[in-house]
Protein backbone atom coordinates (compact mmCIF):
# COMPACT_ATOMS: atom_id res chain seq x y z
CA MET A 1 -44.88 62.84 217.30
CA ARG A 2 -45.08 62.62 221.07
CA LEU A 3 -42.04 61.90 223.24
CA CYS A 4 -43.00 59.11 225.61
CA ASN A 5 -41.42 56.63 228.02
CA SER A 6 -42.62 53.41 229.58
CA THR A 7 -43.22 53.12 233.29
CA ASN A 8 -40.86 50.13 233.19
CA ILE A 9 -37.97 52.62 233.07
CA PHE A 10 -38.41 52.78 236.86
CA ASN A 11 -39.33 49.23 237.81
CA PHE A 12 -36.05 47.62 238.91
CA ASN A 13 -33.79 48.08 241.91
CA LEU A 14 -30.28 46.66 241.54
CA LYS A 15 -31.46 44.35 238.70
CA ILE A 16 -34.42 43.05 240.73
CA PRO A 17 -37.67 43.70 238.80
CA TYR A 18 -41.18 44.42 240.08
CA THR A 19 -39.87 46.36 243.07
CA VAL A 20 -40.77 50.00 242.28
CA SER A 21 -44.41 51.09 242.39
CA PRO A 22 -46.09 52.50 239.27
CA GLU A 23 -46.92 55.61 241.27
CA ASN A 24 -43.20 56.26 241.78
CA ALA A 25 -42.55 55.62 238.09
CA ILE A 26 -45.26 58.07 237.00
CA ALA A 27 -43.92 60.73 239.37
CA ALA A 28 -40.34 60.23 238.19
CA LEU A 29 -41.33 60.50 234.53
CA ALA A 30 -43.31 63.67 235.18
CA ALA A 31 -40.40 65.17 237.12
CA ALA A 32 -38.10 64.38 234.19
CA GLY A 33 -40.29 66.44 231.87
CA TYR A 34 -42.41 63.77 230.19
CA LYS A 35 -45.96 64.73 229.22
CA HIS A 36 -46.82 61.35 227.70
CA ILE A 37 -46.43 57.95 229.35
CA ASP A 38 -46.64 54.35 228.13
CA MET A 39 -48.35 52.49 230.99
CA ASN A 40 -46.66 49.10 231.23
CA LEU A 41 -49.69 47.08 232.32
CA CYS A 42 -48.03 43.82 231.29
CA GLY A 43 -45.35 44.28 233.93
CA LEU A 44 -48.04 44.94 236.52
CA SER A 45 -49.83 41.68 235.63
CA ARG A 46 -47.29 39.13 236.89
CA ILE A 47 -48.90 36.83 239.42
CA GLY A 48 -46.95 36.51 242.66
CA LYS A 49 -44.54 39.39 242.05
CA PRO A 50 -44.00 42.04 244.77
CA VAL A 51 -45.64 44.76 242.66
CA SER A 52 -48.49 43.21 240.64
CA PRO A 53 -51.57 45.41 241.07
CA MET A 54 -53.33 44.18 237.92
CA THR A 55 -53.60 40.71 239.49
CA GLN A 56 -55.39 42.03 242.57
CA ASP A 57 -59.14 42.34 243.11
CA ASP A 58 -58.87 46.13 243.38
CA TRP A 59 -57.06 46.54 240.04
CA ALA A 60 -59.64 49.02 238.72
CA GLU A 61 -59.18 51.26 241.77
CA SER A 62 -55.44 51.16 241.12
CA ALA A 63 -55.99 52.28 237.52
CA LYS A 64 -58.20 55.14 238.70
CA ARG A 65 -55.51 56.16 241.18
CA TRP A 66 -52.89 56.23 238.40
CA ARG A 67 -55.19 58.35 236.25
CA ARG A 68 -55.75 60.83 239.09
CA LEU A 69 -52.01 61.03 239.70
CA GLY A 70 -51.37 61.61 236.01
CA ASP A 71 -53.96 64.38 235.92
CA GLU A 72 -52.38 66.02 238.97
CA LEU A 73 -48.90 65.87 237.42
CA GLY A 74 -49.99 66.95 233.94
CA VAL A 75 -49.18 63.72 232.09
CA LYS A 76 -51.30 61.64 229.73
CA PHE A 77 -51.17 57.86 229.32
CA THR A 78 -51.39 58.04 225.54
CA GLN A 79 -49.88 54.58 225.07
CA ALA A 80 -50.17 51.40 227.13
CA HIS A 81 -48.88 47.84 226.96
CA ALA A 82 -51.37 45.01 227.43
CA TYR A 83 -50.82 41.78 229.31
CA PHE A 84 -48.90 39.07 227.52
CA SER A 85 -48.03 35.58 228.70
CA VAL A 86 -44.45 34.87 229.78
CA ASP A 87 -45.06 31.13 229.45
CA GLY A 88 -43.81 31.05 225.86
CA PRO A 89 -45.57 29.62 222.81
CA VAL A 90 -48.98 27.98 223.03
CA ALA A 91 -50.15 24.55 221.94
CA PRO A 92 -52.60 24.21 219.05
CA GLY A 93 -56.03 25.41 220.17
CA GLY A 94 -54.64 27.32 223.16
CA VAL A 95 -54.59 31.00 224.04
CA PRO A 96 -51.82 32.96 225.80
CA GLY A 97 -52.00 32.45 229.55
CA GLY A 98 -55.13 30.29 229.40
CA GLU A 99 -58.20 31.39 231.34
CA MET A 100 -56.25 33.78 233.58
CA GLY A 101 -54.57 35.27 230.53
CA GLU A 102 -57.98 36.07 229.09
CA GLU A 103 -58.97 37.81 232.32
CA LEU A 104 -55.74 39.80 232.49
CA MET A 105 -56.19 40.92 228.88
CA ARG A 106 -59.73 42.06 229.72
CA ARG A 107 -58.39 44.01 232.69
CA SER A 108 -55.71 45.60 230.50
CA VAL A 109 -58.32 46.96 228.11
CA LEU A 110 -60.51 48.32 230.88
CA ALA A 111 -57.52 49.85 232.67
CA ALA A 112 -56.37 51.50 229.42
CA GLU A 113 -59.87 52.93 229.05
CA ILE A 114 -59.68 54.39 232.57
CA LEU A 115 -56.25 55.83 231.78
CA GLY A 116 -57.44 57.37 228.51
CA SER A 117 -54.92 55.58 226.30
CA GLU A 118 -55.17 56.07 222.55
CA TYR A 119 -53.32 52.88 221.56
CA MET A 120 -52.31 49.82 223.54
CA VAL A 121 -49.58 47.44 222.40
CA THR A 122 -50.19 43.71 222.31
CA HIS A 123 -48.03 40.70 221.40
CA PRO A 124 -48.77 38.12 218.73
CA PHE A 125 -47.97 34.57 219.80
CA SER A 126 -46.53 31.41 218.28
CA VAL A 127 -48.26 28.05 218.09
CA VAL A 128 -45.79 25.25 218.71
CA GLU A 129 -46.14 21.48 218.51
CA ASN A 130 -43.36 19.00 219.29
CA GLY A 131 -40.90 21.88 219.60
CA LYS A 132 -41.65 23.25 216.13
CA VAL A 133 -43.32 26.56 215.31
CA LEU A 134 -46.39 26.02 213.13
CA ASN A 135 -46.32 29.15 210.98
CA GLU A 136 -49.69 28.80 209.28
CA ALA A 137 -51.43 27.71 212.48
CA SER A 138 -49.82 30.64 214.28
CA TYR A 139 -51.13 33.08 211.69
CA GLU A 140 -54.66 31.71 211.80
CA ALA A 141 -54.70 31.60 215.62
CA ASN A 142 -53.57 35.22 215.83
CA LEU A 143 -56.08 36.31 213.22
CA GLU A 144 -58.86 34.76 215.31
CA TYR A 145 -57.45 36.07 218.59
CA PHE A 146 -57.09 39.67 217.45
CA THR A 147 -60.40 39.65 215.59
CA ARG A 148 -62.12 38.57 218.80
CA TRP A 149 -60.24 40.93 221.08
CA GLY A 150 -60.35 43.76 218.54
CA LYS A 151 -64.11 44.00 218.99
CA PHE A 152 -63.73 44.38 222.76
CA TRP A 153 -60.94 46.95 222.41
CA HIS A 154 -63.04 48.94 219.93
CA GLU A 155 -66.07 48.90 222.25
CA HIS A 156 -63.90 50.53 224.92
CA GLY A 157 -62.25 53.10 222.66
CA ILE A 158 -58.76 51.61 222.68
CA GLY A 159 -56.73 51.27 219.49
CA MET A 160 -54.73 48.07 219.05
CA ALA A 161 -51.05 48.14 218.05
CA ILE A 162 -49.69 44.65 217.35
CA GLU A 163 -45.97 44.42 218.05
CA ASN A 164 -43.36 42.82 215.80
CA MET A 165 -41.64 39.97 217.61
CA SER A 166 -38.10 38.64 217.21
CA ALA A 167 -36.65 35.79 215.19
CA TYR A 168 -33.03 36.02 216.21
CA LYS A 169 -30.26 33.77 214.99
CA ASN A 170 -30.34 30.24 216.44
CA SER A 171 -33.70 30.81 218.19
CA PRO A 172 -35.38 27.43 218.82
CA THR A 173 -38.81 28.98 218.23
CA PRO A 174 -38.43 32.04 215.96
CA SER A 175 -41.57 34.15 215.85
CA PRO A 176 -43.58 34.09 212.61
CA PHE A 177 -44.31 37.78 213.28
CA ALA A 178 -40.84 39.28 212.90
CA SER A 179 -40.93 40.56 209.33
CA PRO A 180 -42.65 43.73 208.14
CA GLU A 181 -44.37 41.72 205.41
CA GLN A 182 -46.02 39.34 207.89
CA MET A 183 -47.08 42.20 210.15
CA ILE A 184 -48.60 44.02 207.19
CA LYS A 185 -50.43 40.87 206.10
CA LEU A 186 -51.94 40.36 209.56
CA VAL A 187 -53.01 43.97 210.10
CA ASP A 188 -54.39 44.33 206.58
CA GLU A 189 -56.47 41.18 206.95
CA LEU A 190 -57.82 42.39 210.29
CA ASN A 191 -58.78 45.50 208.29
CA LYS A 192 -59.91 47.84 211.05
CA PRO A 193 -59.02 51.55 211.19
CA ASP A 194 -58.08 51.33 214.88
CA ILE A 195 -55.76 48.31 214.49
CA GLY A 196 -52.17 48.95 213.45
CA ILE A 197 -48.57 48.01 214.14
CA CYS A 198 -46.19 48.73 217.01
CA LEU A 199 -42.61 48.77 215.76
CA ASP A 200 -40.14 47.51 218.34
CA THR A 201 -36.83 48.71 216.95
CA GLY A 202 -34.84 46.24 219.03
CA HIS A 203 -36.88 43.26 217.85
CA ALA A 204 -36.54 44.37 214.23
CA PHE A 205 -32.76 44.81 214.43
CA LEU A 206 -32.33 41.56 216.34
CA SER A 207 -34.22 39.75 213.57
CA GLY A 208 -32.05 41.18 210.80
CA TYR A 209 -34.32 44.01 209.68
CA ASP A 210 -33.25 47.63 209.52
CA PRO A 211 -35.73 49.57 211.68
CA ALA A 212 -35.79 52.48 209.21
CA ASP A 213 -36.71 50.16 206.33
CA PHE A 214 -39.28 48.46 208.55
CA ALA A 215 -40.93 51.82 209.31
CA ARG A 216 -41.00 52.81 205.65
CA LYS A 217 -42.61 49.50 204.66
CA VAL A 218 -45.40 49.58 207.24
CA GLY A 219 -46.01 53.29 206.61
CA SER A 220 -49.34 54.60 207.88
CA ARG A 221 -50.04 51.31 209.66
CA LEU A 222 -47.54 52.37 212.34
CA ARG A 223 -49.49 53.45 215.43
CA ALA A 224 -47.03 52.87 218.29
CA THR A 225 -43.33 52.32 218.93
CA HIS A 226 -41.02 50.62 221.38
CA ILE A 227 -37.72 52.43 221.02
CA ALA A 228 -34.62 50.53 222.16
CA ASP A 229 -31.16 49.64 220.92
CA ASN A 230 -29.07 46.46 220.89
CA TYR A 231 -26.02 44.91 219.24
CA GLY A 232 -27.98 42.50 217.06
CA GLU A 233 -27.40 39.53 219.35
CA LYS A 234 -29.95 39.80 222.18
CA ASP A 235 -32.84 42.00 223.21
CA ASP A 236 -30.80 44.39 225.35
CA HIS A 237 -33.37 47.19 225.80
CA ILE A 238 -30.65 49.81 226.04
CA ALA A 239 -30.83 53.45 225.01
CA PRO A 240 -30.35 54.72 221.45
CA PHE A 241 -26.68 55.11 220.50
CA GLN A 242 -25.65 52.44 223.03
CA GLY A 243 -26.03 49.72 220.38
CA ASN A 244 -25.72 49.41 216.60
CA ILE A 245 -28.99 50.81 215.21
CA ASP A 246 -28.67 53.80 212.88
CA TRP A 247 -30.83 56.33 214.71
CA PHE A 248 -30.34 59.16 212.24
CA GLU A 249 -31.76 57.01 209.45
CA PHE A 250 -34.60 55.79 211.64
CA MET A 251 -35.70 59.31 212.57
CA LYS A 252 -35.51 60.23 208.89
CA ALA A 253 -37.86 57.34 208.13
CA LEU A 254 -40.37 58.44 210.79
CA LYS A 255 -40.36 61.90 209.24
CA GLU A 256 -40.90 60.47 205.77
CA ILE A 257 -43.98 58.49 206.82
CA ASP A 258 -45.30 61.45 208.85
CA TYR A 259 -45.54 59.40 212.04
CA LYS A 260 -47.76 61.22 214.55
CA TYR A 261 -48.10 58.87 217.53
CA ASP A 262 -45.84 58.03 220.50
CA PHE A 263 -42.07 57.78 220.27
CA ALA A 264 -41.97 55.55 223.33
CA PHE A 265 -38.77 54.39 224.97
CA GLU A 266 -38.57 50.83 226.29
CA ILE A 267 -35.03 51.06 227.68
CA HIS A 268 -35.28 49.71 231.21
CA ASN A 269 -31.79 48.20 231.06
CA LEU A 270 -30.38 51.72 231.03
CA THR A 271 -31.56 52.08 234.62
CA SER A 272 -32.14 48.56 235.94
CA ARG A 273 -28.68 47.86 237.38
CA PHE A 274 -28.60 50.99 239.53
CA PRO A 275 -30.05 51.61 242.99
CA ALA A 276 -33.57 52.99 242.74
CA GLU A 277 -32.46 56.13 244.57
CA VAL A 278 -30.27 57.33 241.68
CA GLN A 279 -32.40 56.21 238.73
CA PRO A 280 -34.44 59.46 238.47
CA ASP A 281 -31.34 61.26 237.19
CA LEU A 282 -31.00 58.70 234.40
CA ILE A 283 -34.69 59.14 233.58
CA LYS A 284 -34.07 62.88 233.16
CA PHE A 285 -31.29 62.01 230.72
CA THR A 286 -33.70 59.90 228.66
CA HIS A 287 -35.93 62.94 228.22
CA THR A 288 -32.98 64.99 226.92
CA LEU A 289 -32.02 62.16 224.56
CA GLY A 290 -35.59 61.62 223.43
CA GLN A 291 -36.16 65.29 222.70
CA TYR A 292 -32.98 65.33 220.61
CA LEU A 293 -34.23 62.38 218.56
CA VAL A 294 -37.76 63.69 218.12
CA ASP A 295 -36.38 67.04 216.97
CA LEU A 296 -34.51 65.23 214.19
CA ALA A 297 -37.84 64.20 212.69
CA LYS A 298 -39.33 67.70 212.62
């Protein structure tokens, strides 16, 4: 299992997102001791934001620059996070983000190829009509979407890790892809050796599922993680032991299923409220914490 952290750990300044360059994030992670990085391409794909290099015409040159920097600093981008739409659910027959969303997904795959990522995380989406989630239509739309994109990912040597979403209490549009059973059904029907599941521990806990049980159920299908804690009420993205997840049991579960991929933090709200100048010290702490957790699973 590889200790990893997302570049979004160094993305905010005083709660304002999209203000720190990915180059600074990569350098800070390397300085903290990380050898493996989750490249948060989705956060770099937000049109109109101050730092949005994946939306620019020279996006491929940016990806090459990040790869060169990683090589110089001795870090590998073993995991990445693909574009996803922030516009919410889609209408029947739609795709996330429309035409531009398709282009940003294409760029994500090609950037991950440049970076040398083994697996890239992607979000399933909900199909909604008249304010109601259409569960069966959502499943069929995602099956078609990931079948189509899976071919492109495979052609470029990138494994696909589909992330469990959240269905928290009182959500107006709870995701049909929150349970381990539904994630297993989708991945098994896609039936490709390089398509698996990304377990977001925060999403699982928020939806009423114990992350350790979730990991045991999906077993060898688990190819990526988003590690974060919360109190079971909202998606806090805080560090392990700051919320209510049982981390000792979760690490035991990862050991039981012999998980070999990235143990990747997605805990930007540990750092986001602080001035950018002091965040590198917190990033160093995450490496200490992460190494402690990974050692529990040895």
